[in-house]
Every structure is written in C-alpha cells, then in structure tokens.
Amino acid sequence: TPIDWVILLTMLVLAATGAISVFCAYLAGATSHVSEEGDANDIATGNAVSAIGITALTVLYFLTVMGLSLPNYLRLRGAVARLRAQSDDDDLILIGVDDHVANIKMD
C-alpha cells in the first residue's frame, strides 16, 4: 500500500541522512576527539556537501510522497464526483430505494 511505501521511504531517507552527515564529518575533518582546528576549506566543503545533499534528499522525499499520494487523491475526487452526480437537490442518493421499498411490500 502507499502508506507502507511512505514508511519505508522515511526510514531510507533517515538512514541516508545519517550517512551523508557522517560523510560530511569526514570531509570536514571533524572525526578526531582531540580539539584541533580543521582546515577552513575542508569545513566549508563538508558544510556545502551536507547542505546540498540533505536539501536534495528532502526534495526527493517530498516529491516521492506527493507522487504516491496523488493517485489516491484523484481516486477520492472521482468517487466524490460520481456520488454527487447521483444525488438530488437535497444531497440524497435515492438510486435503488424504490426497488427496496417494493421488495419490502412484497414480503
């Protein structure tokens, strides 16, 4: 179902975000526990890769979730439109009521 895909995709995005963060930490030289000043270029590169990677992943996630939700939304709108086409001025759907009443009277 689409919700299962959304849950799976959320977990994958979470894991990918963590991987990007670890990769960027290595790029920036921020993996040492000793307090050393890193190279400014390495830090800027790590920050840029992180910003671009996380933003691209977020946009991809959003577009994928919207793509998975769109068919259900269109199906819902179609069902509502078909019901509205069958209703009268009071928003009642009376199709089959006369047959049902006739069957009750026959019994």
N, C-alpha and C. Protein backbone atom coordinates (compact mmCIF):
# COMPACT_ATOMS: atom_id res chain seq x y z
N THR A 1 0.85 -1.19 0.00
CA THR A 1 0.00 0.00 0.00
C THR A 1 0.89 1.24 0.00
N PRO A 2 0.33 2.36 -0.42
CA PRO A 2 1.13 3.59 -0.45
C PRO A 2 1.69 4.00 0.91
N ILE A 3 0.94 3.77 1.98
CA ILE A 3 1.45 4.18 3.30
C ILE A 3 2.65 3.33 3.69
N ASP A 4 2.67 2.06 3.28
CA ASP A 4 3.85 1.22 3.55
C ASP A 4 5.07 1.76 2.83
N TRP A 5 4.87 2.22 1.60
CA TRP A 5 5.99 2.80 0.84
C TRP A 5 6.48 4.09 1.48
N VAL A 6 5.55 4.88 2.02
CA VAL A 6 5.93 6.13 2.68
C VAL A 6 6.75 5.83 3.93
N ILE A 7 6.33 4.82 4.70
CA ILE A 7 7.08 4.45 5.90
C ILE A 7 8.47 3.94 5.52
N LEU A 8 8.54 3.08 4.51
CA LEU A 8 9.84 2.56 4.06
C LEU A 8 10.73 3.68 3.55
N LEU A 9 10.15 4.58 2.77
CA LEU A 9 10.92 5.70 2.23
C LEU A 9 11.42 6.61 3.35
N THR A 10 10.60 6.81 4.37
CA THR A 10 11.02 7.64 5.51
C THR A 10 12.22 7.02 6.22
N MET A 11 12.19 5.72 6.40
CA MET A 11 13.33 5.03 7.04
C MET A 11 14.58 5.12 6.16
N LEU A 12 14.43 4.96 4.87
CA LEU A 12 15.57 5.06 3.96
C LEU A 12 16.16 6.47 3.95
N VAL A 13 15.30 7.47 3.96
CA VAL A 13 15.77 8.86 3.98
C VAL A 13 16.49 9.15 5.29
N LEU A 14 15.97 8.63 6.39
CA LEU A 14 16.62 8.81 7.68
C LEU A 14 18.02 8.19 7.67
N ALA A 15 18.13 6.99 7.14
CA ALA A 15 19.44 6.32 7.07
C ALA A 15 20.38 7.07 6.13
N ALA A 16 19.87 7.51 4.99
CA ALA A 16 20.71 8.24 4.03
C ALA A 16 21.17 9.57 4.62
N THR A 17 20.31 10.23 5.38
CA THR A 17 20.69 11.49 6.01
C THR A 17 21.83 11.26 7.01
N GLY A 18 21.75 10.19 7.77
CA GLY A 18 22.84 9.86 8.69
C GLY A 18 24.13 9.57 7.96
N ALA A 19 24.04 8.85 6.85
CA ALA A 19 25.23 8.54 6.06
C ALA A 19 25.85 9.81 5.48
N ILE A 20 25.01 10.70 4.99
CA ILE A 20 25.51 11.98 4.46
C ILE A 20 26.21 12.78 5.57
N SER A 21 25.62 12.78 6.75
CA SER A 21 26.21 13.52 7.87
C SER A 21 27.58 12.96 8.25
N VAL A 22 27.69 11.63 8.30
CA VAL A 22 28.98 11.01 8.63
C VAL A 22 30.00 11.31 7.54
N PHE A 23 29.60 11.21 6.29
CA PHE A 23 30.49 11.51 5.17
C PHE A 23 30.99 12.96 5.24
N CYS A 24 30.08 13.87 5.55
CA CYS A 24 30.45 15.29 5.64
C CYS A 24 31.38 15.56 6.82
N ALA A 25 31.19 14.81 7.91
CA ALA A 25 32.09 14.95 9.05
C ALA A 25 33.50 14.51 8.67
N TYR A 26 33.61 13.44 7.91
CA TYR A 26 34.93 13.00 7.44
C TYR A 26 35.53 14.02 6.49
N LEU A 27 34.68 14.58 5.61
CA LEU A 27 35.19 15.61 4.69
C LEU A 27 35.72 16.82 5.45
N ALA A 28 35.04 17.21 6.51
CA ALA A 28 35.42 18.39 7.27
C ALA A 28 36.54 18.11 8.26
N GLY A 29 36.91 16.84 8.41
CA GLY A 29 37.96 16.50 9.36
C GLY A 29 37.49 16.60 10.79
N ALA A 30 36.21 16.37 11.02
CA ALA A 30 35.64 16.53 12.37
C ALA A 30 35.47 15.19 13.06
N THR A 31 36.34 14.23 12.76
CA THR A 31 36.20 12.92 13.36
C THR A 31 37.16 12.67 14.51
N SER A 32 38.03 13.61 14.77
CA SER A 32 39.00 13.46 15.84
C SER A 32 38.40 13.94 17.16
N HIS A 33 38.69 13.23 18.23
CA HIS A 33 38.20 13.64 19.55
C HIS A 33 39.12 14.67 20.19
N VAL A 34 40.26 14.88 19.57
CA VAL A 34 41.20 15.88 20.06
C VAL A 34 40.80 17.22 19.49
N SER A 35 40.80 18.23 20.31
CA SER A 35 40.37 19.55 19.88
C SER A 35 41.43 20.18 18.98
N GLU A 36 41.25 19.98 17.69
CA GLU A 36 42.16 20.59 16.71
C GLU A 36 41.34 21.43 15.75
N GLU A 37 41.93 22.52 15.35
CA GLU A 37 41.26 23.35 14.35
C GLU A 37 41.40 22.68 12.98
N GLY A 38 40.29 22.52 12.27
CA GLY A 38 40.33 21.91 10.96
C GLY A 38 40.63 22.95 9.90
N ASP A 39 40.90 22.45 8.72
CA ASP A 39 41.16 23.33 7.58
C ASP A 39 39.84 24.00 7.19
N ALA A 40 39.88 25.30 6.97
CA ALA A 40 38.66 26.05 6.64
C ALA A 40 38.03 25.56 5.35
N ASN A 41 38.87 25.20 4.37
CA ASN A 41 38.33 24.68 3.10
C ASN A 41 37.62 23.35 3.31
N ASP A 42 38.18 22.48 4.14
CA ASP A 42 37.54 21.18 4.41
C ASP A 42 36.20 21.37 5.12
N ILE A 43 36.17 22.28 6.05
CA ILE A 43 34.92 22.55 6.78
C ILE A 43 33.88 23.13 5.83
N ALA A 44 34.27 24.07 5.00
CA ALA A 44 33.33 24.66 4.04
C ALA A 44 32.83 23.61 3.06
N THR A 45 33.72 22.72 2.61
CA THR A 45 33.31 21.66 1.69
C THR A 45 32.33 20.71 2.36
N GLY A 46 32.62 20.31 3.58
CA GLY A 46 31.71 19.43 4.33
C GLY A 46 30.35 20.07 4.54
N ASN A 47 30.33 21.35 4.88
CA ASN A 47 29.06 22.07 5.07
C ASN A 47 28.28 22.18 3.77
N ALA A 48 28.98 22.45 2.68
CA ALA A 48 28.31 22.59 1.38
C ALA A 48 27.72 21.26 0.93
N VAL A 49 28.51 20.18 1.06
CA VAL A 49 28.00 18.86 0.68
C VAL A 49 26.80 18.48 1.54
N SER A 50 26.88 18.78 2.82
CA SER A 50 25.77 18.49 3.72
C SER A 50 24.52 19.27 3.33
N ALA A 51 24.67 20.56 3.09
CA ALA A 51 23.52 21.39 2.75
C ALA A 51 22.88 20.95 1.44
N ILE A 52 23.70 20.69 0.44
CA ILE A 52 23.17 20.28 -0.87
C ILE A 52 22.58 18.88 -0.79
N GLY A 53 23.30 17.95 -0.15
CA GLY A 53 22.83 16.58 -0.07
C GLY A 53 21.53 16.43 0.71
N ILE A 54 21.44 17.06 1.87
CA ILE A 54 20.23 16.96 2.70
C ILE A 54 19.07 17.66 2.01
N THR A 55 19.33 18.80 1.39
CA THR A 55 18.25 19.52 0.68
C THR A 55 17.74 18.69 -0.50
N ALA A 56 18.64 18.12 -1.27
CA ALA A 56 18.22 17.30 -2.41
C ALA A 56 17.45 16.07 -1.94
N LEU A 57 17.89 15.47 -0.87
CA LEU A 57 17.20 14.30 -0.33
C LEU A 57 15.80 14.67 0.19
N THR A 58 15.69 15.82 0.82
CA THR A 58 14.39 16.27 1.31
C THR A 58 13.43 16.55 0.16
N VAL A 59 13.91 17.20 -0.88
CA VAL A 59 13.06 17.49 -2.04
C VAL A 59 12.64 16.19 -2.72
N LEU A 60 13.56 15.27 -2.89
CA LEU A 60 13.25 13.98 -3.49
C LEU A 60 12.22 13.23 -2.65
N TYR A 61 12.37 13.25 -1.34
CA TYR A 61 11.42 12.60 -0.44
C TYR A 61 10.03 13.23 -0.58
N PHE A 62 9.96 14.56 -0.56
CA PHE A 62 8.68 15.25 -0.66
C PHE A 62 7.99 14.93 -1.99
N LEU A 63 8.73 14.99 -3.08
CA LEU A 63 8.14 14.71 -4.39
C LEU A 63 7.67 13.26 -4.50
N THR A 64 8.42 12.34 -3.92
CA THR A 64 8.02 10.94 -3.95
C THR A 64 6.76 10.70 -3.14
N VAL A 65 6.68 11.29 -1.96
CA VAL A 65 5.48 11.14 -1.13
C VAL A 65 4.27 11.75 -1.83
N MET A 66 4.46 12.91 -2.45
CA MET A 66 3.34 13.51 -3.19
C MET A 66 2.95 12.64 -4.38
N GLY A 67 3.93 12.05 -5.05
CA GLY A 67 3.64 11.16 -6.17
C GLY A 67 2.89 9.92 -5.74
N LEU A 68 3.20 9.39 -4.55
CA LEU A 68 2.48 8.24 -4.04
C LEU A 68 1.07 8.61 -3.57
N SER A 69 0.88 9.83 -3.12
CA SER A 69 -0.41 10.27 -2.61
C SER A 69 -1.36 10.72 -3.73
N LEU A 70 -0.82 11.15 -4.84
CA LEU A 70 -1.65 11.71 -5.91
C LEU A 70 -2.68 10.72 -6.46
N PRO A 71 -2.35 9.46 -6.76
CA PRO A 71 -3.38 8.55 -7.27
C PRO A 71 -4.53 8.35 -6.30
N ASN A 72 -4.24 8.25 -5.01
CA ASN A 72 -5.32 8.11 -4.02
C ASN A 72 -6.20 9.35 -3.98
N TYR A 73 -5.58 10.51 -4.06
CA TYR A 73 -6.35 11.76 -4.05
C TYR A 73 -7.25 11.85 -5.29
N LEU A 74 -6.72 11.50 -6.44
CA LEU A 74 -7.53 11.54 -7.66
C LEU A 74 -8.66 10.52 -7.61
N ARG A 75 -8.39 9.34 -7.05
CA ARG A 75 -9.43 8.32 -6.92
C ARG A 75 -10.53 8.81 -5.97
N LEU A 76 -10.16 9.48 -4.89
CA LEU A 76 -11.13 10.03 -3.95
C LEU A 76 -11.99 11.09 -4.61
N ARG A 77 -11.34 11.99 -5.36
CA ARG A 77 -12.11 13.05 -6.04
C ARG A 77 -13.08 12.47 -7.06
N GLY A 78 -12.66 11.42 -7.77
CA GLY A 78 -13.54 10.77 -8.75
C GLY A 78 -14.73 10.12 -8.07
N ALA A 79 -14.50 9.46 -6.93
CA ALA A 79 -15.59 8.81 -6.20
C ALA A 79 -16.59 9.85 -5.68
N VAL A 80 -16.09 10.95 -5.17
CA VAL A 80 -16.97 12.01 -4.67
C VAL A 80 -17.76 12.61 -5.83
N ALA A 81 -17.12 12.81 -6.97
CA ALA A 81 -17.83 13.37 -8.14
C ALA A 81 -18.92 12.42 -8.62
N ARG A 82 -18.65 11.11 -8.62
CA ARG A 82 -19.68 10.15 -9.03
C ARG A 82 -20.84 10.15 -8.06
N LEU A 83 -20.56 10.25 -6.76
CA LEU A 83 -21.65 10.31 -5.78
C LEU A 83 -22.47 11.59 -5.93
N ARG A 84 -21.80 12.69 -6.16
CA ARG A 84 -22.53 13.96 -6.34
C ARG A 84 -23.40 13.92 -7.59
N ALA A 85 -22.95 13.23 -8.62
CA ALA A 85 -23.73 13.12 -9.85
C ALA A 85 -24.99 12.29 -9.63
N GLN A 86 -24.96 11.38 -8.68
CA GLN A 86 -26.12 10.54 -8.40
C GLN A 86 -27.08 11.16 -7.40
N SER A 87 -26.69 12.24 -6.73
CA SER A 87 -27.53 12.82 -5.68
C SER A 87 -28.51 13.83 -6.26
N ASP A 88 -29.57 14.07 -5.48
CA ASP A 88 -30.58 15.06 -5.91
C ASP A 88 -30.27 16.41 -5.26
N ASP A 89 -31.24 17.31 -5.29
CA ASP A 89 -31.02 18.66 -4.75
C ASP A 89 -30.76 18.66 -3.24
N ASP A 90 -31.27 17.66 -2.54
CA ASP A 90 -31.07 17.59 -1.08
C ASP A 90 -29.84 16.77 -0.70
N ASP A 91 -28.98 16.46 -1.67
CA ASP A 91 -27.79 15.64 -1.47
C ASP A 91 -28.12 14.24 -0.98
N LEU A 92 -29.26 13.70 -1.42
CA LEU A 92 -29.65 12.33 -1.09
C LEU A 92 -29.47 11.47 -2.33
N ILE A 93 -28.99 10.27 -2.14
CA ILE A 93 -28.85 9.31 -3.24
C ILE A 93 -30.00 8.32 -3.10
N LEU A 94 -30.93 8.37 -4.04
CA LEU A 94 -32.14 7.57 -3.95
C LEU A 94 -32.15 6.41 -4.94
N ILE A 95 -31.04 6.10 -5.54
CA ILE A 95 -30.98 5.01 -6.51
C ILE A 95 -31.19 3.69 -5.77
N GLY A 96 -32.14 2.91 -6.22
CA GLY A 96 -32.43 1.62 -5.61
C GLY A 96 -33.41 1.67 -4.47
N VAL A 97 -33.82 2.84 -4.03
CA VAL A 97 -34.75 2.94 -2.89
C VAL A 97 -36.12 2.41 -3.28
N ASP A 98 -36.60 2.76 -4.48
CA ASP A 98 -37.93 2.30 -4.92
C ASP A 98 -37.97 0.78 -5.02
N ASP A 99 -36.91 0.17 -5.54
CA ASP A 99 -36.85 -1.29 -5.63
C ASP A 99 -36.84 -1.91 -4.25
N HIS A 100 -36.11 -1.32 -3.34
CA HIS A 100 -36.03 -1.84 -1.98
C HIS A 100 -37.38 -1.76 -1.29
N VAL A 101 -38.08 -0.64 -1.42
CA VAL A 101 -39.41 -0.47 -0.83
C VAL A 101 -40.38 -1.47 -1.44
N ALA A 102 -40.30 -1.68 -2.75
CA ALA A 102 -41.18 -2.65 -3.42
C ALA A 102 -40.91 -4.07 -2.91
N ASN A 103 -39.66 -4.42 -2.68
CA ASN A 103 -39.34 -5.75 -2.13
C ASN A 103 -39.87 -5.91 -0.72
N ILE A 104 -39.83 -4.83 0.06
CA ILE A 104 -40.36 -4.90 1.43
C ILE A 104 -41.86 -5.10 1.39
N LYS A 105 -42.54 -4.38 0.48
CA LYS A 105 -44.00 -4.51 0.38
C LYS A 105 -44.41 -5.90 -0.09
N MET A 106 -43.58 -6.51 -0.97
CA MET A 106 -43.90 -7.85 -1.46
C MET A 106 -43.78 -8.88 -0.32
N ASP A 107 -42.84 -8.65 0.59
CA ASP A 107 -42.65 -9.60 1.70
C ASP A 107 -43.80 -9.45 2.68
